[in-house]
Amino acid sequence: MGNRKERHILALSGGKDSAALAVYMQEKYPELPLEYVFIDSGYELPETMEYIDRIRAVLNISILPIGGASIKDRKDFKWWLNKKNNYLPSPQKRWCTDILKLRPYNEWIDKNCSGQAVHSYVGLRADEKTDRKGNLSGREFFYQHHPFIEHGLDYQNIKDLLESSGLGFPSYYKWRSRSGCYFCFYQTKREWLGLLKHHKELFWKAAAMEKTDPETGTKFTWCDDMSLEELEKNKKIILTEASLPVQGKKMAPGLITTISSLCKKNLSDPKLLIRR
């Protein structure tokens, strides 16, 4: 890369995988001048912000917040929702990911890393779907790395890293399966009811975003077949009929103080691969 300055950046999501990657990179490559950022959507769970603070304290690192709900920084989700005529994001139309996460990150890189080579480290695991790629920036001299995939680390390894470091899992894993905004459309109905139980005011804020087109009668709701108001009215039936535990609950064990199996396995330390 010649004399071009290089930046090494790890974007934390407030979830288990990116937190575990921060632990892994700090342990395996302490000489790497990593910079840590957190792309704040402005609609994060309180538990997410608490976990970011915990990562900062336990790993003794600086974490730069990017984004947020400040109009001075960028237009927020509600502005975009109005712009899109109340069309809520969904698994088929994930427009929120672009405007709340990817766009602010890429704009920050363009502004602060002009003329520099950027290495971005992403916490995708070896046991995850291969169609997930992370931030595919079209920026020149942008290199994305997936250390967990390259070194074959799966969920059990991530669990071990979090436990052995003292970080543990984010507390929202007691009732929710993933990180993200409090109104994340990937939530199951039981997880929406978990939001109602733990953060009632946020549940009703999300409900207030649901609309019905007065001309066509089209309903824009977070769940495919009912509004959150209807979900709340039918919560007893939904909780009774659900035979499975909250998705992700059994994947969030309490902090284990014993030596992690990752250390016991005496895994080799393969050289970090630099791939574009």
C-alpha atoms as a PDB file:
ATOM      1  CA  MET A   1       0.000   0.000   0.000  1.00  0.00           C
ATOM      2  CA  GLY A   2       3.037   2.203  -0.253  1.00  0.00           C
ATOM      3  CA  ASN A   3       3.163   5.123   2.154  1.00  0.00           C
ATOM      4  CA  ARG A   4      -0.598   5.313   2.513  1.00  0.00           C
ATOM      5  CA  LYS A   5      -1.669   5.596   6.157  1.00  0.00           C
ATOM      6  CA  GLU A   6      -3.693   2.638   7.404  1.00  0.00           C
ATOM      7  CA  ARG A   7      -6.616   2.702   9.849  1.00  0.00           C
ATOM      8  CA  HIS A   8      -7.960  -0.358  11.645  1.00  0.00           C
ATOM      9  CA  ILE A   9     -11.576   0.029  12.754  1.00  0.00           C
ATOM     10  CA  LEU A  10     -13.925  -2.271  14.628  1.00  0.00           C
ATOM     11  CA  ALA A  11     -17.573  -1.196  14.697  1.00  0.00           C
ATOM     12  CA  LEU A  12     -19.409  -2.411  17.796  1.00  0.00           C
ATOM     13  CA  SER A  13     -23.132  -3.128  17.507  1.00  0.00           C
ATOM     14  CA  GLY A  14     -23.927  -3.642  21.166  1.00  0.00           C
ATOM     15  CA  GLY A  15     -24.360  -7.352  20.476  1.00  0.00           C
ATOM     16  CA  LYS A  16     -22.411 -10.435  21.518  1.00  0.00           C
ATOM     17  CA  ASP A  17     -20.469 -11.091  18.288  1.00  0.00           C
ATOM     18  CA  SER A  18     -18.851  -7.687  17.827  1.00  0.00           C
ATOM     19  CA  ALA A  19     -18.084  -7.568  21.567  1.00  0.00           C
ATOM     20  CA  ALA A  20     -16.422 -10.978  21.354  1.00  0.00           C
ATOM     21  CA  LEU A  21     -14.435  -9.787  18.318  1.00  0.00           C
ATOM     22  CA  ALA A  22     -13.123  -6.852  20.358  1.00  0.00           C
ATOM     23  CA  VAL A  23     -11.949  -9.332  22.996  1.00  0.00           C
ATOM     24  CA  TYR A  24     -10.412 -11.639  20.391  1.00  0.00           C
ATOM     25  CA  MET A  25      -8.538  -8.909  18.539  1.00  0.00           C
ATOM     26  CA  GLN A  26      -7.232  -7.412  21.769  1.00  0.00           C
ATOM     27  CA  GLU A  27      -5.928 -10.789  22.935  1.00  0.00           C
ATOM     28  CA  LYS A  28      -4.534 -12.070  19.636  1.00  0.00           C
ATOM     29  CA  TYR A  29      -3.295  -8.878  18.029  1.00  0.00           C
ATOM     30  CA  PRO A  30      -2.466  -6.390  20.818  1.00  0.00           C
ATOM     31  CA  GLU A  31      -0.004  -4.599  18.529  1.00  0.00           C
ATOM     32  CA  LEU A  32      -2.765  -3.656  16.071  1.00  0.00           C
ATOM     33  CA  PRO A  33      -3.790   0.036  16.524  1.00  0.00           C
ATOM     34  CA  LEU A  34      -7.511  -0.683  16.591  1.00  0.00           C
ATOM     35  CA  GLU A  35     -10.086   2.093  16.769  1.00  0.00           C
ATOM     36  CA  TYR A  36     -13.538   1.280  18.137  1.00  0.00           C
ATOM     37  CA  VAL A  37     -16.756   2.953  17.028  1.00  0.00           C
ATOM     38  CA  PHE A  38     -20.422   2.458  17.862  1.00  0.00           C
ATOM     39  CA  ILE A  39     -23.006   3.482  15.282  1.00  0.00           C
ATOM     40  CA  ASP A  40     -25.863   4.790  17.401  1.00  0.00           C
ATOM     41  CA  SER A  41     -29.215   4.602  15.605  1.00  0.00           C
ATOM     42  CA  GLY A  42     -30.788   6.928  18.144  1.00  0.00           C
ATOM     43  CA  TYR A  43     -33.310   4.180  18.941  1.00  0.00           C
ATOM     44  CA  GLU A  44     -31.204   1.737  20.910  1.00  0.00           C
ATOM     45  CA  LEU A  45     -32.346  -0.277  23.916  1.00  0.00           C
ATOM     46  CA  PRO A  46     -31.109   1.009  27.294  1.00  0.00           C
ATOM     47  CA  GLU A  47     -29.446  -2.395  27.762  1.00  0.00           C
ATOM     48  CA  THR A  48     -27.456  -1.841  24.570  1.00  0.00           C
ATOM     49  CA  MET A  49     -26.040   1.439  25.841  1.00  0.00           C
ATOM     50  CA  GLU A  50     -25.236  -0.195  29.183  1.00  0.00           C
ATOM     51  CA  TYR A  51     -23.377  -2.994  27.377  1.00  0.00           C
ATOM     52  CA  ILE A  52     -21.341  -0.499  25.339  1.00  0.00           C
ATOM     53  CA  ASP A  53     -20.333   1.153  28.620  1.00  0.00           C
ATOM     54  CA  ARG A  54     -19.435  -2.259  30.011  1.00  0.00           C
ATOM     55  CA  ILE A  55     -17.252  -3.080  27.001  1.00  0.00           C
ATOM     56  CA  ARG A  56     -15.506   0.247  27.397  1.00  0.00           C
ATOM     57  CA  ALA A  57     -14.806  -0.398  31.086  1.00  0.00           C
ATOM     58  CA  VAL A  58     -13.872  -4.093  30.974  1.00  0.00           C
ATOM     59  CA  LEU A  59     -11.588  -3.841  27.926  1.00  0.00           C
ATOM     60  CA  ASN A  60     -10.313  -0.373  28.881  1.00  0.00           C
ATOM     61  CA  ILE A  61     -10.851   1.040  25.396  1.00  0.00           C
ATOM     62  CA  SER A  62     -12.200   4.243  23.908  1.00  0.00           C
ATOM     63  CA  ILE A  63     -15.372   3.876  21.851  1.00  0.00           C
ATOM     64  CA  LEU A  64     -16.353   6.697  19.522  1.00  0.00           C
ATOM     65  CA  PRO A  65     -20.127   7.113  19.022  1.00  0.00           C
ATOM     66  CA  ILE A  66     -21.262   7.804  15.472  1.00  0.00           C
ATOM     67  CA  GLY A  67     -24.740   8.875  14.438  1.00  0.00           C
ATOM     68  CA  GLY A  68     -27.459   9.231  17.027  1.00  0.00           C
ATOM     69  CA  ALA A  69     -30.755  11.071  16.751  1.00  0.00           C
ATOM     70  CA  SER A  70     -29.239  14.549  16.520  1.00  0.00           C
ATOM     71  CA  ILE A  71     -30.635  16.558  13.609  1.00  0.00           C
ATOM     72  CA  LYS A  72     -27.249  18.264  13.391  1.00  0.00           C
ATOM     73  CA  ASP A  73     -25.690  14.894  12.613  1.00  0.00           C
ATOM     74  CA  ARG A  74     -28.293  13.444  10.254  1.00  0.00           C
ATOM     75  CA  LYS A  75     -32.011  13.021   9.708  1.00  0.00           C
ATOM     76  CA  ASP A  76     -33.440  10.443  12.096  1.00  0.00           C
ATOM     77  CA  PHE A  77     -35.664   7.406  11.558  1.00  0.00           C
ATOM     78  CA  LYS A  78     -38.954   9.266  11.983  1.00  0.00           C
ATOM     79  CA  TRP A  79     -37.943  11.784   9.324  1.00  0.00           C
ATOM     80  CA  TRP A  80     -37.232   8.950   6.896  1.00  0.00           C
ATOM     81  CA  LEU A  81     -40.419   7.101   7.878  1.00  0.00           C
ATOM     82  CA  ASN A  82     -42.443  10.172   6.935  1.00  0.00           C
ATOM     83  CA  LYS A  83     -40.433  10.487   3.718  1.00  0.00           C
ATOM     84  CA  LYS A  84     -41.358   6.886   2.862  1.00  0.00           C
ATOM     85  CA  ASN A  85     -45.058   7.515   3.491  1.00  0.00           C
ATOM     86  CA  ASN A  86     -45.081   5.471   6.716  1.00  0.00           C
ATOM     87  CA  TYR A  87     -43.811   2.345   4.955  1.00  0.00           C
ATOM     88  CA  LEU A  88     -42.183   0.501   7.862  1.00  0.00           C
ATOM     89  CA  PRO A  89     -38.976  -1.473   7.229  1.00  0.00           C
ATOM     90  CA  SER A  90     -39.246  -5.267   7.016  1.00  0.00           C
ATOM     91  CA  PRO A  91     -37.048  -8.308   6.275  1.00  0.00           C
ATOM     92  CA  GLN A  92     -37.838  -7.709   2.587  1.00  0.00           C
ATOM     93  CA  LYS A  93     -37.171  -3.938   2.718  1.00  0.00           C
ATOM     94  CA  ARG A  94     -34.426  -3.251   5.262  1.00  0.00           C
ATOM     95  CA  TRP A  95     -34.091   0.437   4.465  1.00  0.00           C
ATOM     96  CA  CYS A  96     -33.487   1.265   8.133  1.00  0.00           C
ATOM     97  CA  THR A  97     -30.163  -0.606   8.190  1.00  0.00           C
ATOM     98  CA  ASP A  98     -28.829   1.618   5.431  1.00  0.00           C
ATOM     99  CA  ILE A  99     -29.889   4.979   6.868  1.00  0.00           C
ATOM    100  CA  LEU A 100     -29.289   4.249  10.568  1.00  0.00           C
ATOM    101  CA  LYS A 101     -26.112   2.154  10.431  1.00  0.00           C
ATOM    102  CA  LEU A 102     -24.295   1.788   7.097  1.00  0.00           C
ATOM    103  CA  ARG A 103     -24.691   5.300   5.744  1.00  0.00           C
ATOM    104  CA  PRO A 104     -23.488   7.105   8.908  1.00  0.00           C
ATOM    105  CA  TYR A 105     -20.512   4.739   9.156  1.00  0.00           C
ATOM    106  CA  ASN A 106     -19.502   5.202   5.527  1.00  0.00           C
ATOM    107  CA  GLU A 107     -19.951   8.975   5.735  1.00  0.00           C
ATOM    108  CA  TRP A 108     -17.776   9.065   8.845  1.00  0.00           C
ATOM    109  CA  ILE A 109     -15.076   7.032   7.061  1.00  0.00           C
ATOM    110  CA  ASP A 110     -15.180   9.319   4.013  1.00  0.00           C
ATOM    111  CA  LYS A 111     -14.871  12.395   6.222  1.00  0.00           C
ATOM    112  CA  ASN A 112     -12.217  11.148   8.642  1.00  0.00           C
ATOM    113  CA  CYS A 113     -10.188   8.670   6.578  1.00  0.00           C
ATOM    114  CA  SER A 114      -9.750  10.496   3.280  1.00  0.00           C
ATOM    115  CA  GLY A 115      -6.774   9.169   1.331  1.00  0.00           C
ATOM    116  CA  GLN A 116      -6.160   6.423   3.901  1.00  0.00           C
ATOM    117  CA  ALA A 117      -6.510   2.662   3.695  1.00  0.00           C
ATOM    118  CA  VAL A 118      -9.278   1.450   5.993  1.00  0.00           C
ATOM    119  CA  HIS A 119      -9.384  -2.060   7.458  1.00  0.00           C
ATOM    120  CA  SER A 120     -12.819  -2.807   8.873  1.00  0.00           C
ATOM    121  CA  TYR A 121     -13.210  -5.837  11.173  1.00  0.00           C
ATOM    122  CA  VAL A 122     -16.598  -7.578  11.280  1.00  0.00           C
ATOM    123  CA  GLY A 123     -17.816 -10.144  13.820  1.00  0.00           C
ATOM    124  CA  LEU A 124     -19.499 -12.627  11.480  1.00  0.00           C
ATOM    125  CA  ARG A 125     -19.070 -16.166  12.833  1.00  0.00           C
ATOM    126  CA  ALA A 126     -17.967 -19.263  10.952  1.00  0.00           C
ATOM    127  CA  ASP A 127     -21.331 -20.943  11.682  1.00  0.00           C
ATOM    128  CA  GLU A 128     -23.458 -18.096  10.279  1.00  0.00           C
ATOM    129  CA  LYS A 129     -25.045 -17.879   6.852  1.00  0.00           C
ATOM    130  CA  THR A 130     -22.421 -17.195   4.204  1.00  0.00           C
ATOM    131  CA  ASP A 131     -24.665 -14.685   2.414  1.00  0.00           C
ATOM    132  CA  ARG A 132     -24.097 -12.171   5.199  1.00  0.00           C
ATOM    133  CA  LYS A 133     -21.181  -9.925   4.281  1.00  0.00           C
ATOM    134  CA  GLY A 134     -21.396  -6.842   6.490  1.00  0.00           C
ATOM    135  CA  ASN A 135     -20.645  -3.376   5.176  1.00  0.00           C
ATOM    136  CA  LEU A 136     -19.820  -3.635   1.481  1.00  0.00           C
ATOM    137  CA  SER A 137     -18.463  -0.136   0.968  1.00  0.00           C
ATOM    138  CA  GLY A 138     -17.574   0.848  -2.576  1.00  0.00           C
ATOM    139  CA  ARG A 139     -14.844   3.099  -1.232  1.00  0.00           C
ATOM    140  CA  GLU A 140     -11.365   2.680  -2.672  1.00  0.00           C
ATOM    141  CA  PHE A 141      -8.805   1.236  -0.249  1.00  0.00           C
ATOM    142  CA  PHE A 142     -11.548  -0.207   1.992  1.00  0.00           C
ATOM    143  CA  TYR A 143     -10.704  -3.713   3.218  1.00  0.00           C
ATOM    144  CA  GLN A 144     -13.175  -5.810   5.152  1.00  0.00           C
ATOM    145  CA  HIS A 145     -11.988  -8.664   7.385  1.00  0.00           C
ATOM    146  CA  HIS A 146     -13.883 -11.509   9.044  1.00  0.00           C
ATOM    147  CA  PRO A 147     -11.469 -12.968  11.641  1.00  0.00           C
ATOM    148  CA  PHE A 148     -14.020 -15.433  13.066  1.00  0.00           C
ATOM    149  CA  ILE A 149     -14.744 -16.884   9.618  1.00  0.00           C
ATOM    150  CA  GLU A 150     -11.081 -16.932   8.632  1.00  0.00           C
ATOM    151  CA  HIS A 151     -10.110 -18.734  11.849  1.00  0.00           C
ATOM    152  CA  GLY A 152     -13.152 -20.972  12.168  1.00  0.00           C
ATOM    153  CA  LEU A 153     -14.667 -19.554  15.376  1.00  0.00           C
ATOM    154  CA  ASP A 154     -18.317 -20.417  16.015  1.00  0.00           C
ATOM    155  CA  TYR A 155     -20.957 -19.615  18.635  1.00  0.00           C
ATOM    156  CA  GLN A 156     -19.324 -21.718  21.348  1.00  0.00           C
ATOM    157  CA  ASN A 157     -16.027 -19.896  20.862  1.00  0.00           C
ATOM    158  CA  ILE A 158     -17.798 -16.530  21.086  1.00  0.00           C
ATOM    159  CA  LYS A 159     -19.520 -17.640  24.293  1.00  0.00           C
ATOM    160  CA  ASP A 160     -16.153 -18.689  25.728  1.00  0.00           C
ATOM    161  CA  LEU A 161     -14.541 -15.361  24.820  1.00  0.00           C
ATOM    162  CA  LEU A 162     -17.281 -13.345  26.494  1.00  0.00           C
ATOM    163  CA  GLU A 163     -17.261 -15.459  29.643  1.00  0.00           C
ATOM    164  CA  SER A 164     -13.496 -15.641  30.066  1.00  0.00           C
ATOM    165  CA  SER A 165     -13.122 -11.878  29.564  1.00  0.00           C
ATOM    166  CA  GLY A 166     -15.768 -11.050  32.176  1.00  0.00           C
ATOM    167  CA  LEU A 167     -18.024  -9.273  29.676  1.00  0.00           C
ATOM    168  CA  GLY A 168     -20.798 -11.842  29.572  1.00  0.00           C
ATOM    169  CA  PHE A 169     -23.835 -11.417  27.339  1.00  0.00           C
ATOM    170  CA  PRO A 170     -25.931  -8.246  26.973  1.00  0.00           C
ATOM    171  CA  SER A 171     -28.788  -8.353  29.495  1.00  0.00           C
ATOM    172  CA  TYR A 172     -31.459  -8.040  26.785  1.00  0.00           C
ATOM    173  CA  TYR A 173     -30.680 -11.627  25.758  1.00  0.00           C
ATOM    174  CA  LYS A 174     -32.907 -12.674  28.652  1.00  0.00           C
ATOM    175  CA  TRP A 175     -35.920 -11.774  26.502  1.00  0.00           C
ATOM    176  CA  ARG A 176     -34.608 -10.950  23.030  1.00  0.00           C
ATOM    177  CA  SER A 177     -32.419 -12.748  20.498  1.00  0.00           C
ATOM    178  CA  ARG A 178     -30.418  -9.995  18.821  1.00  0.00           C
ATOM    179  CA  SER A 179     -29.074  -6.468  19.056  1.00  0.00           C
ATOM    180  CA  GLY A 180     -30.676  -3.581  17.221  1.00  0.00           C
ATOM    181  CA  CYS A 181     -33.244  -0.839  17.573  1.00  0.00           C
ATOM    182  CA  TYR A 182     -36.027  -1.305  20.084  1.00  0.00           C
ATOM    183  CA  PHE A 183     -38.503  -1.549  17.180  1.00  0.00           C
ATOM    184  CA  CYS A 184     -36.506  -4.123  15.202  1.00  0.00           C
ATOM    185  CA  PHE A 185     -38.863  -5.905  12.817  1.00  0.00           C
ATOM    186  CA  TYR A 186     -37.008  -9.203  13.333  1.00  0.00           C
ATOM    187  CA  GLN A 187     -38.540  -9.509  16.785  1.00  0.00           C
ATOM    188  CA  THR A 188     -40.937 -12.396  17.303  1.00  0.00           C
ATOM    189  CA  LYS A 189     -44.299 -11.670  18.895  1.00  0.00           C
ATOM    190  CA  ARG A 190     -42.973 -12.992  22.180  1.00  0.00           C
ATOM    191  CA  GLU A 191     -40.017 -10.646  21.932  1.00  0.00           C
ATOM    192  CA  TRP A 192     -42.350  -7.727  21.248  1.00  0.00           C
ATOM    193  CA  LEU A 193     -44.183  -8.718  24.425  1.00  0.00           C
ATOM    194  CA  GLY A 194     -40.785  -8.826  26.136  1.00  0.00           C
ATOM    195  CA  LEU A 195     -40.312  -5.209  25.068  1.00  0.00           C
ATOM    196  CA  LEU A 196     -43.742  -4.413  26.514  1.00  0.00           C
ATOM    197  CA  LYS A 197     -42.755  -6.020  29.800  1.00  0.00           C
ATOM    198  CA  HIS A 198     -39.289  -4.477  30.138  1.00  0.00           C
ATOM    199  CA  HIS A 199     -39.769  -1.142  28.324  1.00  0.00           C
ATOM    200  CA  LYS A 200     -43.451  -0.340  28.146  1.00  0.00           C
ATOM    201  CA  GLU A 201     -42.887   3.225  26.932  1.00  0.00           C
ATOM    202  CA  LEU A 202     -40.736   2.032  24.012  1.00  0.00           C
ATOM    203  CA  PHE A 203     -43.355  -0.546  23.031  1.00  0.00           C
ATOM    204  CA  TRP A 204     -46.003   2.167  22.730  1.00  0.00           C
ATOM    205  CA  LYS A 205     -43.605   4.478  20.896  1.00  0.00           C
ATOM    206  CA  ALA A 206     -43.167   1.712  18.304  1.00  0.00           C
ATOM    207  CA  ALA A 207     -46.938   1.201  18.221  1.00  0.00           C
ATOM    208  CA  ALA A 208     -47.424   4.897  17.478  1.00  0.00           C
ATOM    209  CA  MET A 209     -45.365   4.472  14.292  1.00  0.00           C
ATOM    210  CA  GLU A 210     -47.939   2.042  12.862  1.00  0.00           C
ATOM    211  CA  LYS A 211     -50.374   3.698  10.469  1.00  0.00           C
ATOM    212  CA  THR A 212     -53.323   2.930   8.207  1.00  0.00           C
ATOM    213  CA  ASP A 213     -53.573   4.579   4.789  1.00  0.00           C
ATOM    214  CA  PRO A 214     -56.915   6.440   4.852  1.00  0.00           C
ATOM    215  CA  GLU A 215     -57.378   6.083   1.088  1.00  0.00           C
ATOM    216  CA  THR A 216     -56.392   2.457   0.495  1.00  0.00           C
ATOM    217  CA  GLY A 217     -56.883   1.018   3.960  1.00  0.00           C
ATOM    218  CA  THR A 218     -53.386  -0.485   3.810  1.00  0.00           C
ATOM    219  CA  LYS A 219     -51.991  -1.146   7.283  1.00  0.00           C
ATOM    220  CA  PHE A 220     -48.340  -0.527   8.045  1.00  0.00           C
ATOM    221  CA  THR A 221     -47.573  -2.677  11.086  1.00  0.00           C
ATOM    222  CA  TRP A 222     -44.437  -4.231  12.599  1.00  0.00           C
ATOM    223  CA  CYS A 223     -46.003  -7.719  12.658  1.00  0.00           C
ATOM    224  CA  ASP A 224     -47.416  -9.135   9.447  1.00  0.00           C
ATOM    225  CA  ASP A 225     -50.862 -10.059  10.749  1.00  0.00           C
ATOM    226  CA  MET A 226     -51.614  -7.635  13.583  1.00  0.00           C
ATOM    227  CA  SER A 227     -50.805  -4.269  15.083  1.00  0.00           C
ATOM    228  CA  LEU A 228     -48.921  -3.913  18.349  1.00  0.00           C
ATOM    229  CA  GLU A 229     -52.133  -2.724  19.980  1.00  0.00           C
ATOM    230  CA  GLU A 230     -53.812  -5.958  18.896  1.00  0.00           C
ATOM    231  CA  LEU A 231     -50.748  -7.886  20.057  1.00  0.00           C
ATOM    232  CA  GLU A 232     -51.033  -6.362  23.528  1.00  0.00           C
ATOM    233  CA  LYS A 233     -54.746  -7.235  23.716  1.00  0.00           C
ATOM    234  CA  ASN A 234     -54.016 -10.851  22.782  1.00  0.00           C
ATOM    235  CA  LYS A 235     -50.829 -11.284  24.822  1.00  0.00           C
ATOM    236  CA  LYS A 236     -52.239 -13.978  27.116  1.00  0.00           C
ATOM    237  CA  ILE A 237     -53.304 -16.124  24.173  1.00  0.00           C
ATOM    238  CA  ILE A 238     -49.988 -15.628  22.359  1.00  0.00           C
ATOM    239  CA  LEU A 239     -47.913 -16.476  25.439  1.00  0.00           C
ATOM    240  CA  THR A 240     -50.067 -19.514  26.200  1.00  0.00           C
ATOM    241  CA  GLU A 241     -49.916 -20.901  22.665  1.00  0.00           C
ATOM    242  CA  ALA A 242     -46.162 -20.354  22.282  1.00  0.00           C
ATOM    243  CA  SER A 243     -44.534 -23.667  23.120  1.00  0.00           C
ATOM    244  CA  LEU A 244     -40.954 -22.563  22.522  1.00  0.00           C
ATOM    245  CA  PRO A 245     -38.888 -20.337  24.830  1.00  0.00           C
ATOM    246  CA  VAL A 246     -38.103 -16.791  23.800  1.00  0.00           C
ATOM    247  CA  GLN A 247     -35.749 -17.020  20.840  1.00  0.00           C
ATOM    248  CA  GLY A 248     -32.232 -16.494  22.064  1.00  0.00           C
ATOM    249  CA  LYS A 249     -33.056 -16.942  25.775  1.00  0.00           C
ATOM    250  CA  LYS A 250     -31.328 -20.275  26.093  1.00  0.00           C
ATOM    251  CA  MET A 251     -28.458 -18.805  24.083  1.00  0.00           C
ATOM    252  CA  ALA A 252     -27.727 -16.294  26.835  1.00  0.00           C
ATOM    253  CA  PRO A 253     -26.174 -18.193  29.744  1.00  0.00           C
ATOM    254  CA  GLY A 254     -25.135 -16.404  32.882  1.00  0.00           C
ATOM    255  CA  LEU A 255     -21.499 -15.450  33.355  1.00  0.00           C
ATOM    256  CA  ILE A 256     -19.382 -18.543  34.030  1.00  0.00           C
ATOM    257  CA  THR A 257     -16.301 -17.965  36.156  1.00  0.00           C
ATOM    258  CA  THR A 258     -14.441 -21.132  35.217  1.00  0.00           C
ATOM    259  CA  ILE A 259     -11.602 -21.146  32.687  1.00  0.00           C
ATOM    260  CA  SER A 260     -13.089 -21.056  29.209  1.00  0.00           C
ATOM    261  CA  SER A 261     -12.978 -24.087  26.967  1.00  0.00           C
ATOM    262  CA  LEU A 262     -11.327 -21.880  24.372  1.00  0.00           C
ATOM    263  CA  CYS A 263      -8.251 -21.679  26.592  1.00  0.00           C
ATOM    264  CA  LYS A 264      -8.428 -25.395  27.390  1.00  0.00           C
ATOM    265  CA  LYS A 265      -8.390 -26.272  23.701  1.00  0.00           C
ATOM    266  CA  ASN A 266      -5.048 -24.443  23.338  1.00  0.00           C
ATOM    267  CA  LEU A 267      -6.062 -23.171  19.926  1.00  0.00           C
ATOM    268  CA  SER A 268      -3.277 -22.112  17.636  1.00  0.00           C
ATOM    269  CA  ASP A 269      -2.865 -18.477  16.747  1.00  0.00           C
ATOM    270  CA  PRO A 270      -3.046 -18.332  12.938  1.00  0.00           C
ATOM    271  CA  LYS A 271      -1.601 -15.294  11.294  1.00  0.00           C
ATOM    272  CA  LEU A 272      -4.204 -12.652  10.558  1.00  0.00           C
ATOM    273  CA  LEU A 273      -5.109 -12.791   6.886  1.00  0.00           C
ATOM    274  CA  ILE A 274      -5.447  -9.486   5.098  1.00  0.00           C
ATOM    275  CA  ARG A 275      -8.044  -9.778   2.352  1.00  0.00           C
ATOM    276  CA  ARG A 276      -9.769  -7.200   0.312  1.00  0.00           C
END
